[in-house]
């Protein structure tokens, strides 16, 4: 019996759920594909489950690089499916509360050598920052960690050797 890495299986399930959320799959097809993804015993068995979905999901990666200062996004801005921010000494402030977010799941990757980050989520959104590696700082999340169906879920990953990250939901 083969083995499917948990990360690959999770990615396949995420792609299928996103396609359903985007209206590209019906309920029966969602169920069929999820069952295939969850019962696959080899990586090759996952390929046909997501082959027609992966292209659209990989489309958008926005990369912001800065040396110092503040990387700030607030108000009505377009949030990509994947956002990567690299900053040597700066701080990051991402306010998603009034942003245009066409996806139900987004991924924010932070690579901040000495800076910290604040991420403000819209009311009802959830976030998972388990993928963030912290050196001297800490991760403080006041947002729900568990995803609610149909609501925005933000996955936050990255490296903050000397910085802290704060995640909270917007005050209504």
Protein backbone atom coordinates (compact mmCIF):
# COMPACT_ATOMS: atom_id res chain seq x y z
CA UNK A 1 0.00 0.00 0.00
CA UNK A 2 1.37 3.41 -1.01
CA UNK A 3 1.44 6.58 1.00
CA UNK A 4 0.05 10.02 0.25
CA UNK A 5 1.77 12.90 2.08
CA UNK A 6 -0.77 14.69 4.28
CA UNK A 7 0.16 18.03 2.69
CA UNK A 8 -0.69 16.74 -0.83
CA UNK A 9 -3.99 15.30 0.35
CA UNK A 10 -4.87 18.57 2.16
CA UNK A 11 -4.02 20.55 -0.98
CA UNK A 12 -6.27 18.32 -3.13
CA UNK A 13 -9.16 18.66 -0.67
CA UNK A 14 -8.62 22.44 -0.56
CA UNK A 15 -8.69 22.71 -4.39
CA UNK A 16 -11.90 20.66 -4.61
CA UNK A 17 -13.61 22.68 -1.85
CA UNK A 18 -12.50 25.97 -3.45
CA UNK A 19 -13.85 24.86 -6.86
CA UNK A 20 -17.17 24.04 -5.18
CA UNK A 21 -17.20 27.40 -3.35
CA UNK A 22 -16.47 29.17 -6.67
CA UNK A 23 -19.41 27.35 -8.27
CA UNK A 24 -17.24 25.28 -10.63
CA UNK A 25 -18.41 21.95 -9.13
CA UNK A 26 -21.85 20.74 -8.12
CA UNK A 27 -22.61 18.96 -4.81
CA UNK A 28 -22.44 15.45 -6.31
CA UNK A 29 -19.08 16.14 -8.00
CA UNK A 30 -17.77 17.70 -4.78
CA UNK A 31 -18.68 14.55 -2.85
CA UNK A 32 -17.20 12.23 -5.50
CA UNK A 33 -13.90 14.10 -5.66
CA UNK A 34 -13.56 14.48 -1.89
CA UNK A 35 -14.06 10.74 -1.47
CA UNK A 36 -11.39 10.03 -4.11
CA UNK A 37 -8.97 12.49 -2.46
CA UNK A 38 -9.53 11.08 1.02
CA UNK A 39 -9.22 7.43 -0.02
CA UNK A 40 -6.23 7.82 -2.39
CA UNK A 41 -3.34 5.53 -1.45
CA UNK A 42 -0.77 6.96 -3.89
CA UNK A 43 0.07 10.51 -4.99
CA UNK A 44 -0.76 9.57 -8.59
CA UNK A 45 -4.38 8.91 -7.58
CA UNK A 46 -4.75 12.56 -6.51
CA UNK A 47 -3.76 13.90 -9.94
CA UNK A 48 -7.05 13.14 -11.76
CA UNK A 49 -9.02 14.54 -8.80
CA UNK A 50 -7.51 18.03 -9.20
CA UNK A 51 -6.05 18.09 -12.73
CA UNK A 52 -8.72 20.43 -14.13
CA UNK A 53 -8.80 22.60 -10.97
CA UNK A 54 -5.14 23.33 -10.24
CA UNK A 55 -4.52 25.83 -13.06
CA UNK A 56 -7.05 28.35 -11.83
CA UNK A 57 -5.95 27.98 -8.22
CA UNK A 58 -2.28 28.65 -8.91
CA UNK A 59 -3.03 31.77 -10.94
CA UNK A 60 -2.47 34.52 -8.51
CA UNK A 61 0.56 35.05 -6.33
CA UNK A 62 1.29 38.66 -5.49
CA UNK A 63 4.77 39.33 -4.12
CA UNK A 64 5.60 42.51 -2.19
CA UNK A 65 9.22 43.18 -1.22
CA UNK A 66 10.48 46.02 1.00
CA UNK A 67 13.66 46.82 2.92
CA UNK A 68 12.25 49.02 5.67
CA UNK A 69 9.26 51.16 6.46
CA UNK A 70 5.68 49.99 6.57
CA UNK A 71 3.98 47.68 4.09
CA UNK A 72 0.37 48.72 4.52
CA UNK A 73 -2.83 47.75 2.74
CA UNK A 74 -6.13 49.18 4.00
CA UNK A 75 -9.54 50.18 2.71
CA UNK A 76 -10.86 48.78 -0.57
CA UNK A 77 -7.96 46.79 -2.02
CA UNK A 78 -7.95 43.56 -4.04
CA UNK A 79 -6.70 40.60 -2.02
CA UNK A 80 -5.11 37.86 -4.14
CA UNK A 81 -5.49 34.17 -3.38
CA UNK A 82 -1.81 34.09 -2.37
CA UNK A 83 0.13 37.04 -1.00
CA UNK A 84 3.83 36.91 -0.15
CA UNK A 85 5.54 39.73 1.71
CA UNK A 86 9.31 39.97 2.20
CA UNK A 87 10.68 42.75 4.39
CA UNK A 88 14.06 43.19 6.03
CA UNK A 89 13.31 45.77 8.76
CA UNK A 90 9.78 46.95 8.09
CA UNK A 91 6.42 46.33 9.64
CA UNK A 92 3.39 44.91 7.87
CA UNK A 93 -0.21 45.97 8.39
CA UNK A 94 -2.85 44.21 6.33
CA UNK A 95 -6.42 45.30 6.93
CA UNK A 96 -8.75 42.90 5.12
CA UNK A 97 -11.92 44.23 6.79
CA UNK A 98 -13.05 46.39 3.84
CA UNK A 99 -10.98 44.73 1.12
CA UNK A 100 -12.29 43.00 -2.01
CA UNK A 101 -11.65 39.29 -1.42
CA UNK A 102 -12.98 37.10 -4.26
CA UNK A 103 -11.88 33.86 -2.57
CA UNK A 104 -13.09 31.99 0.53
CA UNK A 105 -9.54 30.80 1.30
CA UNK A 106 -6.41 32.86 1.02
CA UNK A 107 -2.78 32.26 1.93
CA UNK A 108 -0.50 34.99 3.31
CA UNK A 109 3.20 34.20 3.52
CA UNK A 110 5.33 36.55 5.63
CA UNK A 111 9.12 36.65 5.56
CA UNK A 112 10.07 39.43 7.95
CA UNK A 113 13.63 39.51 9.30
CA UNK A 114 13.14 42.11 12.05
CA UNK A 115 9.63 43.43 11.56
CA UNK A 116 6.27 42.48 12.99
CA UNK A 117 2.87 42.10 11.36
CA UNK A 118 -0.73 42.96 12.14
CA UNK A 119 -3.50 41.31 10.15
CA UNK A 120 -7.08 42.50 10.59
CA UNK A 121 -9.74 40.11 9.30
CA UNK A 122 -13.33 40.88 8.34
CA UNK A 123 -15.92 39.93 10.97
CA UNK A 124 -16.77 36.21 10.75
CA UNK A 125 -13.44 35.24 9.17
CA UNK A 126 -11.05 32.66 10.64
CA UNK A 127 -7.29 32.28 10.52
CA UNK A 128 -4.68 29.58 11.02
CA UNK A 129 -1.15 30.77 11.81
CA UNK A 130 0.28 27.36 12.80
CA UNK A 131 2.63 27.58 9.80
CA UNK A 132 4.43 30.67 11.13
CA UNK A 133 7.92 30.14 12.55
CA UNK A 134 8.71 32.68 15.27
CA UNK A 135 12.13 33.25 16.82
CA UNK A 136 11.98 35.80 19.63
CA UNK A 137 8.50 37.18 19.13
CA UNK A 138 5.09 35.59 19.45
CA UNK A 139 1.90 34.91 17.54
CA UNK A 140 -1.23 36.44 19.06
CA UNK A 141 -4.48 35.49 17.37
CA UNK A 142 -7.84 36.76 18.54
CA UNK A 143 -9.56 35.30 15.48
CA UNK A 144 -11.31 31.91 15.39
CA UNK A 145 -8.97 29.15 14.25
CA UNK A 146 -11.66 26.87 12.88
CA UNK A 147 -13.07 27.54 9.45
CA UNK A 148 -16.78 28.35 9.03
CA UNK A 149 -18.41 27.14 5.80
CA UNK A 150 -18.71 29.92 3.24
CA UNK A 151 -16.67 32.37 5.33
CA UNK A 152 -13.18 33.66 4.65
CA UNK A 153 -10.34 31.53 6.01
CA UNK A 154 -6.80 32.90 6.00
CA UNK A 155 -3.78 30.60 6.22
CA UNK A 156 -0.71 32.44 7.43
CA UNK A 157 2.77 30.97 7.05
CA UNK A 158 6.32 32.28 7.03
CA UNK A 159 9.32 33.26 9.13
CA UNK A 160 9.55 36.05 11.70
CA UNK A 161 12.89 35.47 13.50
CA UNK A 162 12.64 38.66 15.57
CA UNK A 163 9.09 39.85 15.00
CA UNK A 164 5.65 39.22 16.41
CA UNK A 165 2.38 38.78 14.58
CA UNK A 166 -1.06 39.86 15.74
CA UNK A 167 -4.23 38.59 14.08
CA UNK A 168 -7.61 39.97 15.03
CA UNK A 169 -11.04 40.46 13.52
CA UNK A 170 -12.37 43.92 12.73
CA UNK A 171 -14.43 45.70 15.32
CA UNK A 172 -17.92 46.06 13.90
